[in-house]
Amino acid sequence: MSTSTQVWSTEDGAVDGRGIDDALTLLEPYCDTSLTEVGDSARQNARRAWHAAIGVRAYAEETGAAHQESARTCMSDLLNDMRHLCDALAIDWDDVVRPYHYSEEIDDGDLAD
């Protein structure tokens, strides 16, 4: 059974109302190792999520949304702008968003276990 690394449970409150800085704060304790170190996949996936959150935060800061919008809205806006970038560069969006090895990365467990 595949499970993703979830560090923000529904018990923590509504995701939609939280900002990207909240996401970074929640992920930080799981990011004490580099991706090249041998370790459990849940920590490696949290580290991957941390890297993505840093990118979303940089985008949100650039657009002025970082302190005004939820993490979900910032991610949605970034993905939509990434699609515009693909159009501008003649890159196939469907090829970019194909999950490739995501399933293999999440197969080994959840931080909540």
PDB file of N, CA and C in Angstrom:
ATOM      1  N   MET A   1       0.836  -1.184   0.000  1.00  0.00           N
ATOM      2  CA  MET A   1       0.000   0.000   0.000  1.00  0.00           C
ATOM      3  C   MET A   1       0.881   1.248   0.000  1.00  0.00           C
ATOM      4  N   SER A   2       0.578   2.180  -0.867  1.00  0.00           N
ATOM      5  CA  SER A   2       1.339   3.420  -0.957  1.00  0.00           C
ATOM      6  C   SER A   2       0.770   4.457  -0.003  1.00  0.00           C
ATOM      7  N   THR A   3       1.664   5.127   0.669  1.00  0.00           N
ATOM      8  CA  THR A   3       1.242   6.232   1.516  1.00  0.00           C
ATOM      9  C   THR A   3       2.176   7.395   1.280  1.00  0.00           C
ATOM     10  N   SER A   4       1.645   8.586   1.365  1.00  0.00           N
ATOM     11  CA  SER A   4       2.485   9.763   1.203  1.00  0.00           C
ATOM     12  C   SER A   4       2.928  10.246   2.573  1.00  0.00           C
ATOM     13  N   THR A   5       3.920  11.103   2.580  1.00  0.00           N
ATOM     14  CA  THR A   5       4.422  11.673   3.808  1.00  0.00           C
ATOM     15  C   THR A   5       3.532  12.835   4.198  1.00  0.00           C
ATOM     16  N   GLN A   6       2.715  12.632   5.206  1.00  0.00           N
ATOM     17  CA  GLN A   6       1.796  13.684   5.626  1.00  0.00           C
ATOM     18  C   GLN A   6       2.207  14.164   6.999  1.00  0.00           C
ATOM     19  N   VAL A   7       2.613  15.416   7.089  1.00  0.00           N
ATOM     20  CA  VAL A   7       3.003  16.000   8.373  1.00  0.00           C
ATOM     21  C   VAL A   7       1.973  17.010   8.845  1.00  0.00           C
ATOM     22  N   TRP A   8       0.977  17.266   8.024  1.00  0.00           N
ATOM     23  CA  TRP A   8      -0.050  18.247   8.339  1.00  0.00           C
ATOM     24  C   TRP A   8      -1.376  17.520   8.334  1.00  0.00           C
ATOM     25  N   SER A   9      -1.817  17.061   9.476  1.00  0.00           N
ATOM     26  CA  SER A   9      -3.035  16.265   9.543  1.00  0.00           C
ATOM     27  C   SER A   9      -4.257  17.160   9.631  1.00  0.00           C
ATOM     28  N   THR A  10      -5.419  16.562   9.398  1.00  0.00           N
ATOM     29  CA  THR A  10      -6.660  17.318   9.501  1.00  0.00           C
ATOM     30  C   THR A  10      -6.897  17.766  10.938  1.00  0.00           C
ATOM     31  N   GLU A  11      -6.263  17.096  11.893  1.00  0.00           N
ATOM     32  CA  GLU A  11      -6.374  17.510  13.294  1.00  0.00           C
ATOM     33  C   GLU A  11      -5.680  18.846  13.542  1.00  0.00           C
ATOM     34  N   ASP A  12      -4.729  19.213  12.681  1.00  0.00           N
ATOM     35  CA  ASP A  12      -4.012  20.483  12.801  1.00  0.00           C
ATOM     36  C   ASP A  12      -4.857  21.671  12.351  1.00  0.00           C
ATOM     37  N   GLY A  13      -5.971  21.398  11.725  1.00  0.00           N
ATOM     38  CA  GLY A  13      -6.827  22.481  11.240  1.00  0.00           C
ATOM     39  C   GLY A  13      -6.897  22.491   9.733  1.00  0.00           C
ATOM     40  N   ALA A  14      -7.672  23.410   9.217  1.00  0.00           N
ATOM     41  CA  ALA A  14      -7.891  23.495   7.781  1.00  0.00           C
ATOM     42  C   ALA A  14      -6.617  23.896   7.054  1.00  0.00           C
ATOM     43  N   VAL A  15      -6.250  23.120   6.066  1.00  0.00           N
ATOM     44  CA  VAL A  15      -5.064  23.402   5.264  1.00  0.00           C
ATOM     45  C   VAL A  15      -5.251  24.700   4.485  1.00  0.00           C
ATOM     46  N   ASP A  16      -6.446  24.932   3.976  1.00  0.00           N
ATOM     47  CA  ASP A  16      -6.688  26.092   3.128  1.00  0.00           C
ATOM     48  C   ASP A  16      -6.380  27.414   3.820  1.00  0.00           C
ATOM     49  N   GLY A  17      -6.507  27.456   5.121  1.00  0.00           N
ATOM     50  CA  GLY A  17      -6.283  28.705   5.827  1.00  0.00           C
ATOM     51  C   GLY A  17      -4.845  28.949   6.231  1.00  0.00           C
ATOM     52  N   ARG A  18      -3.965  28.009   6.010  1.00  0.00           N
ATOM     53  CA  ARG A  18      -2.569  28.130   6.430  1.00  0.00           C
ATOM     54  C   ARG A  18      -1.686  28.579   5.279  1.00  0.00           C
ATOM     55  N   GLY A  19      -0.660  29.338   5.615  1.00  0.00           N
ATOM     56  CA  GLY A  19       0.250  29.860   4.610  1.00  0.00           C
ATOM     57  C   GLY A  19       1.444  28.954   4.367  1.00  0.00           C
ATOM     58  N   ILE A  20       2.235  29.328   3.391  1.00  0.00           N
ATOM     59  CA  ILE A  20       3.408  28.536   3.022  1.00  0.00           C
ATOM     60  C   ILE A  20       4.452  28.536   4.135  1.00  0.00           C
ATOM     61  N   ASP A  21       4.568  29.605   4.900  1.00  0.00           N
ATOM     62  CA  ASP A  21       5.513  29.624   6.021  1.00  0.00           C
ATOM     63  C   ASP A  21       5.116  28.596   7.074  1.00  0.00           C
ATOM     64  N   ASP A  22       3.799  28.391   7.278  1.00  0.00           N
ATOM     65  CA  ASP A  22       3.335  27.348   8.194  1.00  0.00           C
ATOM     66  C   ASP A  22       3.769  25.966   7.708  1.00  0.00           C
ATOM     67  N   ALA A  23       3.677  25.753   6.407  1.00  0.00           N
ATOM     68  CA  ALA A  23       4.089  24.468   5.837  1.00  0.00           C
ATOM     69  C   ALA A  23       5.576  24.230   6.069  1.00  0.00           C
ATOM     70  N   LEU A  24       6.387  25.263   5.839  1.00  0.00           N
ATOM     71  CA  LEU A  24       7.833  25.131   6.066  1.00  0.00           C
ATOM     72  C   LEU A  24       8.134  24.827   7.532  1.00  0.00           C
ATOM     73  N   THR A  25       7.424  25.484   8.429  1.00  0.00           N
ATOM     74  CA  THR A  25       7.623  25.251   9.864  1.00  0.00           C
ATOM     75  C   THR A  25       7.284  23.814  10.235  1.00  0.00           C
ATOM     76  N   LEU A  26       6.206  23.285   9.672  1.00  0.00           N
ATOM     77  CA  LEU A  26       5.809  21.908   9.975  1.00  0.00           C
ATOM     78  C   LEU A  26       6.775  20.880   9.390  1.00  0.00           C
ATOM     79  N   LEU A  27       7.362  21.182   8.246  1.00  0.00           N
ATOM     80  CA  LEU A  27       8.283  20.242   7.599  1.00  0.00           C
ATOM     81  C   LEU A  27       9.686  20.272   8.191  1.00  0.00           C
ATOM     82  N   GLU A  28      10.081  21.385   8.753  1.00  0.00           N
ATOM     83  CA  GLU A  28      11.460  21.577   9.201  1.00  0.00           C
ATOM     84  C   GLU A  28      11.996  20.468  10.114  1.00  0.00           C
ATOM     85  N   PRO A  29      11.244  19.990  11.104  1.00  0.00           N
ATOM     86  CA  PRO A  29      11.803  18.952  11.988  1.00  0.00           C
ATOM     87  C   PRO A  29      12.144  17.640  11.278  1.00  0.00           C
ATOM     88  N   TYR A  30      11.553  17.404  10.120  1.00  0.00           N
ATOM     89  CA  TYR A  30      11.799  16.166   9.379  1.00  0.00           C
ATOM     90  C   TYR A  30      12.937  16.287   8.388  1.00  0.00           C
ATOM     91  N   CYS A  31      13.589  17.424   8.344  1.00  0.00           N
ATOM     92  CA  CYS A  31      14.571  17.707   7.302  1.00  0.00           C
ATOM     93  C   CYS A  31      15.988  17.816   7.840  1.00  0.00           C
ATOM     94  N   ASP A  32      16.339  16.954   8.763  1.00  0.00           N
ATOM     95  CA  ASP A  32      17.662  17.027   9.372  1.00  0.00           C
ATOM     96  C   ASP A  32      18.707  16.183   8.657  1.00  0.00           C
ATOM     97  N   THR A  33      18.352  15.571   7.541  1.00  0.00           N
ATOM     98  CA  THR A  33      19.304  14.780   6.768  1.00  0.00           C
ATOM     99  C   THR A  33      19.242  15.209   5.312  1.00  0.00           C
ATOM    100  N   SER A  34      20.307  14.941   4.592  1.00  0.00           N
ATOM    101  CA  SER A  34      20.299  15.255   3.166  1.00  0.00           C
ATOM    102  C   SER A  34      19.688  14.076   2.418  1.00  0.00           C
ATOM    103  N   LEU A  35      19.272  14.328   1.184  1.00  0.00           N
ATOM    104  CA  LEU A  35      18.662  13.270   0.381  1.00  0.00           C
ATOM    105  C   LEU A  35      19.656  12.179   0.018  1.00  0.00           C
ATOM    106  N   THR A  36      20.939  12.464   0.089  1.00  0.00           N
ATOM    107  CA  THR A  36      21.930  11.466  -0.281  1.00  0.00           C
ATOM    108  C   THR A  36      22.252  10.517   0.872  1.00  0.00           C
ATOM    109  N   GLU A  37      21.855  10.881   2.088  1.00  0.00           N
ATOM    110  CA  GLU A  37      22.098  10.003   3.224  1.00  0.00           C
ATOM    111  C   GLU A  37      21.117   8.848   3.212  1.00  0.00           C
ATOM    112  N   VAL A  38      21.578   7.703   3.687  1.00  0.00           N
ATOM    113  CA  VAL A  38      20.685   6.562   3.809  1.00  0.00           C
ATOM    114  C   VAL A  38      19.766   6.829   4.991  1.00  0.00           C
ATOM    115  N   GLY A  39      18.498   6.662   4.775  1.00  0.00           N
ATOM    116  CA  GLY A  39      17.526   6.894   5.832  1.00  0.00           C
ATOM    117  C   GLY A  39      16.169   6.424   5.384  1.00  0.00           C
ATOM    118  N   ASP A  40      15.201   6.599   6.250  1.00  0.00           N
ATOM    119  CA  ASP A  40      13.880   6.126   5.870  1.00  0.00           C
ATOM    120  C   ASP A  40      13.272   7.031   4.800  1.00  0.00           C
ATOM    121  N   SER A  41      12.438   6.440   3.988  1.00  0.00           N
ATOM    122  CA  SER A  41      11.876   7.179   2.862  1.00  0.00           C
ATOM    123  C   SER A  41      10.938   8.289   3.311  1.00  0.00           C
ATOM    124  N   ALA A  42      10.293   8.139   4.458  1.00  0.00           N
ATOM    125  CA  ALA A  42       9.401   9.191   4.939  1.00  0.00           C
ATOM    126  C   ALA A  42      10.183  10.478   5.167  1.00  0.00           C
ATOM    127  N   ARG A  43      11.361  10.385   5.769  1.00  0.00           N
ATOM    128  CA  ARG A  43      12.192  11.580   5.968  1.00  0.00           C
ATOM    129  C   ARG A  43      12.689  12.127   4.631  1.00  0.00           C
ATOM    130  N   GLN A  44      13.053  11.244   3.728  1.00  0.00           N
ATOM    131  CA  GLN A  44      13.501  11.698   2.410  1.00  0.00           C
ATOM    132  C   GLN A  44      12.374  12.412   1.672  1.00  0.00           C
ATOM    133  N   ASN A  45      11.157  11.899   1.792  1.00  0.00           N
ATOM    134  CA  ASN A  45      10.025  12.536   1.126  1.00  0.00           C
ATOM    135  C   ASN A  45       9.663  13.859   1.787  1.00  0.00           C
ATOM    136  N   ALA A  46       9.817  13.942   3.108  1.00  0.00           N
ATOM    137  CA  ALA A  46       9.603  15.221   3.789  1.00  0.00           C
ATOM    138  C   ALA A  46      10.635  16.236   3.315  1.00  0.00           C
ATOM    139  N   ARG A  47      11.850  15.777   3.095  1.00  0.00           N
ATOM    140  CA  ARG A  47      12.904  16.659   2.583  1.00  0.00           C
ATOM    141  C   ARG A  47      12.557  17.140   1.177  1.00  0.00           C
ATOM    142  N   ARG A  48      12.032  16.244   0.354  1.00  0.00           N
ATOM    143  CA  ARG A  48      11.598  16.637  -0.991  1.00  0.00           C
ATOM    144  C   ARG A  48      10.485  17.680  -0.908  1.00  0.00           C
ATOM    145  N   ALA A  49       9.541  17.456  -0.001  1.00  0.00           N
ATOM    146  CA  ALA A  49       8.449  18.416   0.195  1.00  0.00           C
ATOM    147  C   ALA A  49       8.996  19.761   0.659  1.00  0.00           C
ATOM    148  N   TRP A  50      10.005  19.724   1.543  1.00  0.00           N
ATOM    149  CA  TRP A  50      10.660  20.952   2.029  1.00  0.00           C
ATOM    150  C   TRP A  50      11.251  21.737   0.859  1.00  0.00           C
ATOM    151  N   HIS A  51      11.954  21.026  -0.032  1.00  0.00           N
ATOM    152  CA  HIS A  51      12.548  21.691  -1.194  1.00  0.00           C
ATOM    153  C   HIS A  51      11.457  22.331  -2.054  1.00  0.00           C
ATOM    154  N   ALA A  52      10.358  21.625  -2.263  1.00  0.00           N
ATOM    155  CA  ALA A  52       9.257  22.175  -3.053  1.00  0.00           C
ATOM    156  C   ALA A  52       8.651  23.389  -2.357  1.00  0.00           C
ATOM    157  N   ALA A  53       8.490  23.314  -1.037  1.00  0.00           N
ATOM    158  CA  ALA A  53       7.914  24.436  -0.283  1.00  0.00           C
ATOM    159  C   ALA A  53       8.797  25.675  -0.371  1.00  0.00           C
ATOM    160  N   ILE A  54      10.113  25.477  -0.394  1.00  0.00           N
ATOM    161  CA  ILE A  54      11.026  26.614  -0.557  1.00  0.00           C
ATOM    162  C   ILE A  54      10.794  27.279  -1.917  1.00  0.00           C
ATOM    163  N   GLY A  55      10.597  26.465  -2.955  1.00  0.00           N
ATOM    164  CA  GLY A  55      10.309  27.009  -4.283  1.00  0.00           C
ATOM    165  C   GLY A  55       8.985  27.751  -4.322  1.00  0.00           C
ATOM    166  N   VAL A  56       7.956  27.188  -3.684  1.00  0.00           N
ATOM    167  CA  VAL A  56       6.649  27.845  -3.635  1.00  0.00           C
ATOM    168  C   VAL A  56       6.757  29.164  -2.874  1.00  0.00           C
ATOM    169  N   ARG A  57       7.511  29.136  -1.788  1.00  0.00           N
ATOM    170  CA  ARG A  57       7.679  30.360  -0.996  1.00  0.00           C
ATOM    171  C   ARG A  57       8.375  31.454  -1.810  1.00  0.00           C
ATOM    172  N   ALA A  58       9.421  31.093  -2.545  1.00  0.00           N
ATOM    173  CA  ALA A  58      10.121  32.080  -3.386  1.00  0.00           C
ATOM    174  C   ALA A  58       9.166  32.668  -4.424  1.00  0.00           C
ATOM    175  N   TYR A  59       8.357  31.816  -5.037  1.00  0.00           N
ATOM    176  CA  TYR A  59       7.374  32.283  -6.005  1.00  0.00           C
ATOM    177  C   TYR A  59       6.360  33.210  -5.332  1.00  0.00           C
ATOM    178  N   ALA A  60       5.857  32.796  -4.166  1.00  0.00           N
ATOM    179  CA  ALA A  60       4.854  33.592  -3.452  1.00  0.00           C
ATOM    180  C   ALA A  60       5.421  34.939  -3.020  1.00  0.00           C
ATOM    181  N   GLU A  61       6.673  34.960  -2.620  1.00  0.00           N
ATOM    182  CA  GLU A  61       7.319  36.226  -2.265  1.00  0.00           C
ATOM    183  C   GLU A  61       7.416  37.128  -3.491  1.00  0.00           C
ATOM    184  N   GLU A  62       7.797  36.555  -4.611  1.00  0.00           N
ATOM    185  CA  GLU A  62       7.954  37.323  -5.852  1.00  0.00           C
ATOM    186  C   GLU A  62       6.626  37.925  -6.312  1.00  0.00           C
ATOM    187  N   THR A  63       5.532  37.192  -6.133  1.00  0.00           N
ATOM    188  CA  THR A  63       4.222  37.661  -6.603  1.00  0.00           C
ATOM    189  C   THR A  63       3.469  38.469  -5.552  1.00  0.00           C
ATOM    190  N   GLY A  64       3.993  38.511  -4.329  1.00  0.00           N
ATOM    191  CA  GLY A  64       3.324  39.251  -3.264  1.00  0.00           C
ATOM    192  C   GLY A  64       2.240  38.464  -2.543  1.00  0.00           C
ATOM    193  N   ALA A  65       2.147  37.177  -2.821  1.00  0.00           N
ATOM    194  CA  ALA A  65       1.079  36.358  -2.232  1.00  0.00           C
ATOM    195  C   ALA A  65       1.487  35.664  -0.931  1.00  0.00           C
ATOM    196  N   ALA A  66       2.754  35.723  -0.580  1.00  0.00           N
ATOM    197  CA  ALA A  66       3.275  34.920   0.536  1.00  0.00           C
ATOM    198  C   ALA A  66       2.535  35.137   1.845  1.00  0.00           C
ATOM    199  N   HIS A  67       2.144  36.348   2.133  1.00  0.00           N
ATOM    200  CA  HIS A  67       1.502  36.635   3.413  1.00  0.00           C
ATOM    201  C   HIS A  67       0.016  36.956   3.259  1.00  0.00           C
ATOM    202  N   GLN A  68      -0.490  36.762   2.045  1.00  0.00           N
ATOM    203  CA  GLN A  68      -1.892  37.067   1.784  1.00  0.00           C
ATOM    204  C   GLN A  68      -2.706  35.847   1.395  1.00  0.00           C
ATOM    205  N   GLU A  69      -2.046  34.808   0.913  1.00  0.00           N
ATOM    206  CA  GLU A  69      -2.756  33.643   0.383  1.00  0.00           C
ATOM    207  C   GLU A  69      -2.368  32.376   1.128  1.00  0.00           C
ATOM    208  N   SER A  70      -3.218  31.362   1.026  1.00  0.00           N
ATOM    209  CA  SER A  70      -2.935  30.069   1.642  1.00  0.00           C
ATOM    210  C   SER A  70      -1.858  29.333   0.855  1.00  0.00           C
ATOM    211  N   ALA A  71      -1.267  28.330   1.482  1.00  0.00           N
ATOM    212  CA  ALA A  71      -0.279  27.494   0.803  1.00  0.00           C
ATOM    213  C   ALA A  71      -0.899  26.866  -0.441  1.00  0.00           C
ATOM    214  N   ARG A  72      -2.137  26.411  -0.330  1.00  0.00           N
ATOM    215  CA  ARG A  72      -2.818  25.785  -1.464  1.00  0.00           C
ATOM    216  C   ARG A  72      -2.940  26.767  -2.636  1.00  0.00           C
ATOM    217  N   THR A  73      -3.331  27.998  -2.356  1.00  0.00           N
ATOM    218  CA  THR A  73      -3.474  28.998  -3.414  1.00  0.00           C
ATOM    219  C   THR A  73      -2.125  29.321  -4.037  1.00  0.00           C
ATOM    220  N   CYS A  74      -1.098  29.445  -3.214  1.00  0.00           N
ATOM    221  CA  CYS A  74       0.253  29.719  -3.752  1.00  0.00           C
ATOM    222  C   CYS A  74       0.712  28.591  -4.666  1.00  0.00           C
ATOM    223  N   MET A  75       0.461  27.335  -4.266  1.00  0.00           N
ATOM    224  CA  MET A  75       0.842  26.198  -5.111  1.00  0.00           C
ATOM    225  C   MET A  75       0.051  26.188  -6.402  1.00  0.00           C
ATOM    226  N   SER A  76      -1.245  26.457  -6.321  1.00  0.00           N
ATOM    227  CA  SER A  76      -2.097  26.480  -7.505  1.00  0.00           C
ATOM    228  C   SER A  76      -1.638  27.567  -8.476  1.00  0.00           C
ATOM    229  N   ASP A  77      -1.370  28.746  -7.948  1.00  0.00           N
ATOM    230  CA  ASP A  77      -0.902  29.851  -8.796  1.00  0.00           C
ATOM    231  C   ASP A  77       0.422  29.509  -9.478  1.00  0.00           C
ATOM    232  N   LEU A  78       1.338  28.903  -8.721  1.00  0.00           N
ATOM    233  CA  LEU A  78       2.631  28.523  -9.294  1.00  0.00           C
ATOM    234  C   LEU A  78       2.445  27.492 -10.404  1.00  0.00           C
ATOM    235  N   LEU A  79       1.618  26.491 -10.155  1.00  0.00           N
ATOM    236  CA  LEU A  79       1.404  25.467 -11.185  1.00  0.00           C
ATOM    237  C   LEU A  79       0.784  26.065 -12.445  1.00  0.00           C
ATOM    238  N   ASN A  80      -0.161  26.978 -12.273  1.00  0.00           N
ATOM    239  CA  ASN A  80      -0.761  27.625 -13.443  1.00  0.00           C
ATOM    240  C   ASN A  80       0.272  28.445 -14.201  1.00  0.00           C
ATOM    241  N   ASP A  81       1.119  29.159 -13.480  1.00  0.00           N
ATOM    242  CA  ASP A  81       2.164  29.931 -14.153  1.00  0.00           C
ATOM    243  C   ASP A  81       3.210  29.020 -14.793  1.00  0.00           C
ATOM    244  N   MET A  82       3.451  27.871 -14.195  1.00  0.00           N
ATOM    245  CA  MET A  82       4.359  26.898 -14.811  1.00  0.00           C
ATOM    246  C   MET A  82       3.784  26.408 -16.144  1.00  0.00           C
ATOM    247  N   ARG A  83       2.478  26.260 -16.178  1.00  0.00           N
ATOM    248  CA  ARG A  83       1.843  25.845 -17.430  1.00  0.00           C
ATOM    249  C   ARG A  83       2.008  26.926 -18.495  1.00  0.00           C
ATOM    250  N   HIS A  84       1.864  28.188 -18.102  1.00  0.00           N
ATOM    251  CA  HIS A  84       2.116  29.282 -19.045  1.00  0.00           C
ATOM    252  C   HIS A  84       3.566  29.258 -19.523  1.00  0.00           C
ATOM    253  N   LEU A  85       4.482  28.942 -18.621  1.00  0.00           N
ATOM    254  CA  LEU A  85       5.894  28.850 -18.992  1.00  0.00           C
ATOM    255  C   LEU A  85       6.107  27.731 -20.008  1.00  0.00           C
ATOM    256  N   CYS A  86       5.467  26.601 -19.790  1.00  0.00           N
ATOM    257  CA  CYS A  86       5.576  25.502 -20.760  1.00  0.00           C
ATOM    258  C   CYS A  86       5.072  25.946 -22.127  1.00  0.00           C
ATOM    259  N   ASP A  87       3.932  26.642 -22.146  1.00  0.00           N
ATOM    260  CA  ASP A  87       3.406  27.147 -23.422  1.00  0.00           C
ATOM    261  C   ASP A  87       4.423  28.067 -24.095  1.00  0.00           C
ATOM    262  N   ALA A  88       5.003  28.978 -23.314  1.00  0.00           N
ATOM    263  CA  ALA A  88       5.948  29.951 -23.872  1.00  0.00           C
ATOM    264  C   ALA A  88       7.202  29.279 -24.418  1.00  0.00           C
ATOM    265  N   LEU A  89       7.600  28.167 -23.791  1.00  0.00           N
ATOM    266  CA  LEU A  89       8.829  27.482 -24.195  1.00  0.00           C
ATOM    267  C   LEU A  89       8.579  26.259 -25.075  1.00  0.00           C
ATOM    268  N   ALA A  90       7.322  26.056 -25.477  1.00  0.00           N
ATOM    269  CA  ALA A  90       6.935  24.918 -26.311  1.00  0.00           C
ATOM    270  C   ALA A  90       7.317  23.585 -25.671  1.00  0.00           C
ATOM    271  N   ILE A  91       7.057  23.484 -24.368  1.00  0.00           N
ATOM    272  CA  ILE A  91       7.295  22.245 -23.621  1.00  0.00           C
ATOM    273  C   ILE A  91       5.942  21.607 -23.336  1.00  0.00           C
ATOM    274  N   ASP A  92       5.833  20.310 -23.533  1.00  0.00           N
ATOM    275  CA  ASP A  92       4.582  19.590 -23.318  1.00  0.00           C
ATOM    276  C   ASP A  92       4.256  19.516 -21.824  1.00  0.00           C
ATOM    277  N   TRP A  93       3.210  20.214 -21.386  1.00  0.00           N
ATOM    278  CA  TRP A  93       2.792  20.235 -19.977  1.00  0.00           C
ATOM    279  C   TRP A  93       2.520  18.830 -19.453  1.00  0.00           C
ATOM    280  N   ASP A  94       1.840  18.006 -20.240  1.00  0.00           N
ATOM    281  CA  ASP A  94       1.517  16.652 -19.781  1.00  0.00           C
ATOM    282  C   ASP A  94       2.774  15.835 -19.504  1.00  0.00           C
ATOM    283  N   ASP A  95       3.819  16.080 -20.268  1.00  0.00           N
ATOM    284  CA  ASP A  95       5.082  15.386 -20.026  1.00  0.00           C
ATOM    285  C   ASP A  95       5.729  15.875 -18.731  1.00  0.00           C
ATOM    286  N   VAL A  96       5.607  17.169 -18.447  1.00  0.00           N
ATOM    287  CA  VAL A  96       6.191  17.747 -17.231  1.00  0.00           C
ATOM    288  C   VAL A  96       5.514  17.208 -15.977  1.00  0.00           C
ATOM    289  N   VAL A  97       4.202  17.078 -15.995  1.00  0.00           N
ATOM    290  CA  VAL A  97       3.465  16.699 -14.786  1.00  0.00           C
ATOM    291  C   VAL A  97       3.303  15.194 -14.608  1.00  0.00           C
ATOM    292  N   ARG A  98       3.827  14.396 -15.507  1.00  0.00           N
ATOM    293  CA  ARG A  98       3.787  12.938 -15.350  1.00  0.00           C
ATOM    294  C   ARG A  98       4.562  12.574 -14.091  1.00  0.00           C
ATOM    295  N   PRO A  99       4.020  11.717 -13.227  1.00  0.00           N
ATOM    296  CA  PRO A  99       4.637  11.477 -11.911  1.00  0.00           C
ATOM    297  C   PRO A  99       5.952  10.695 -11.924  1.00  0.00           C
ATOM    298  N   TYR A 100       6.300  10.049 -13.006  1.00  0.00           N
ATOM    299  CA  TYR A 100       7.532   9.280 -13.112  1.00  0.00           C
ATOM    300  C   TYR A 100       7.784   8.419 -11.873  1.00  0.00           C
ATOM    301  N   HIS A 101       8.692   8.766 -10.997  1.00  0.00           N
ATOM    302  CA  HIS A 101       9.071   7.901  -9.888  1.00  0.00           C
ATOM    303  C   HIS A 101       8.430   8.280  -8.555  1.00  0.00           C
ATOM    304  N   TYR A 102       7.421   9.127  -8.546  1.00  0.00           N
ATOM    305  CA  TYR A 102       6.749   9.523  -7.306  1.00  0.00           C
ATOM    306  C   TYR A 102       6.201   8.308  -6.557  1.00  0.00           C
ATOM    307  N   SER A 103       5.546   7.406  -7.262  1.00  0.00           N
ATOM    308  CA  SER A 103       4.954   6.228  -6.609  1.00  0.00           C
ATOM    309  C   SER A 103       5.993   5.399  -5.860  1.00  0.00           C
ATOM    310  N   GLU A 104       7.157   5.220  -6.458  1.00  0.00           N
ATOM    311  CA  GLU A 104       8.215   4.462  -5.788  1.00  0.00           C
ATOM    312  C   GLU A 104       8.713   5.181  -4.541  1.00  0.00           C
ATOM    313  N   GLU A 105       8.733   6.510  -4.573  1.00  0.00           N
ATOM    314  CA  GLU A 105       9.231   7.279  -3.437  1.00  0.00           C
ATOM    315  C   GLU A 105       8.288   7.229  -2.247  1.00  0.00           C
ATOM    316  N   ILE A 106       6.998   7.058  -2.475  1.00  0.00           N
ATOM    317  CA  ILE A 106       6.051   7.064  -1.361  1.00  0.00           C
ATOM    318  C   ILE A 106       5.702   5.659  -0.856  1.00  0.00           C
ATOM    319  N   ASP A 107       6.207   4.619  -1.483  1.00  0.00           N
ATOM    320  CA  ASP A 107       5.842   3.252  -1.119  1.00  0.00           C
ATOM    321  C   ASP A 107       6.300   2.818   0.264  1.00  0.00           C
ATOM    322  N   ASP A 108       7.322   3.437   0.822  1.00  0.00           N
ATOM    323  CA  ASP A 108       7.921   2.915   2.038  1.00  0.00           C
ATOM    324  C   ASP A 108       7.391   3.461   3.339  1.00  0.00           C
ATOM    325  N   GLY A 109       6.311   4.182   3.364  1.00  0.00           N
ATOM    326  CA  GLY A 109       5.760   4.535   4.651  1.00  0.00           C
ATOM    327  C   GLY A 109       5.431   5.983   4.840  1.00  0.00           C
ATOM    328  N   ASP A 110       4.948   6.249   6.025  1.00  0.00           N
ATOM    329  CA  ASP A 110       4.429   7.540   6.410  1.00  0.00           C
ATOM    330  C   ASP A 110       5.094   7.957   7.709  1.00  0.00           C
ATOM    331  N   LEU A 111       5.333   9.232   7.907  1.00  0.00           N
ATOM    332  CA  LEU A 111       5.936   9.713   9.148  1.00  0.00           C
ATOM    333  C   LEU A 111       5.046   9.452  10.352  1.00  0.00           C
ATOM    334  N   ALA A 112       3.743   9.337  10.123  1.00  0.00           N
ATOM    335  CA  ALA A 112       2.822   9.125  11.234  1.00  0.00           C
ATOM    336  C   ALA A 112       2.892   7.698  11.769  1.00  0.00           C
ATOM    337  N   ASP A 113       3.481   6.761  11.028  1.00  0.00           N
ATOM    338  CA  ASP A 113       3.562   5.378  11.497  1.00  0.00           C
ATOM    339  C   ASP A 113       4.467   5.227  12.687  1.00  0.00           C
TER     340      ASP A 113
END
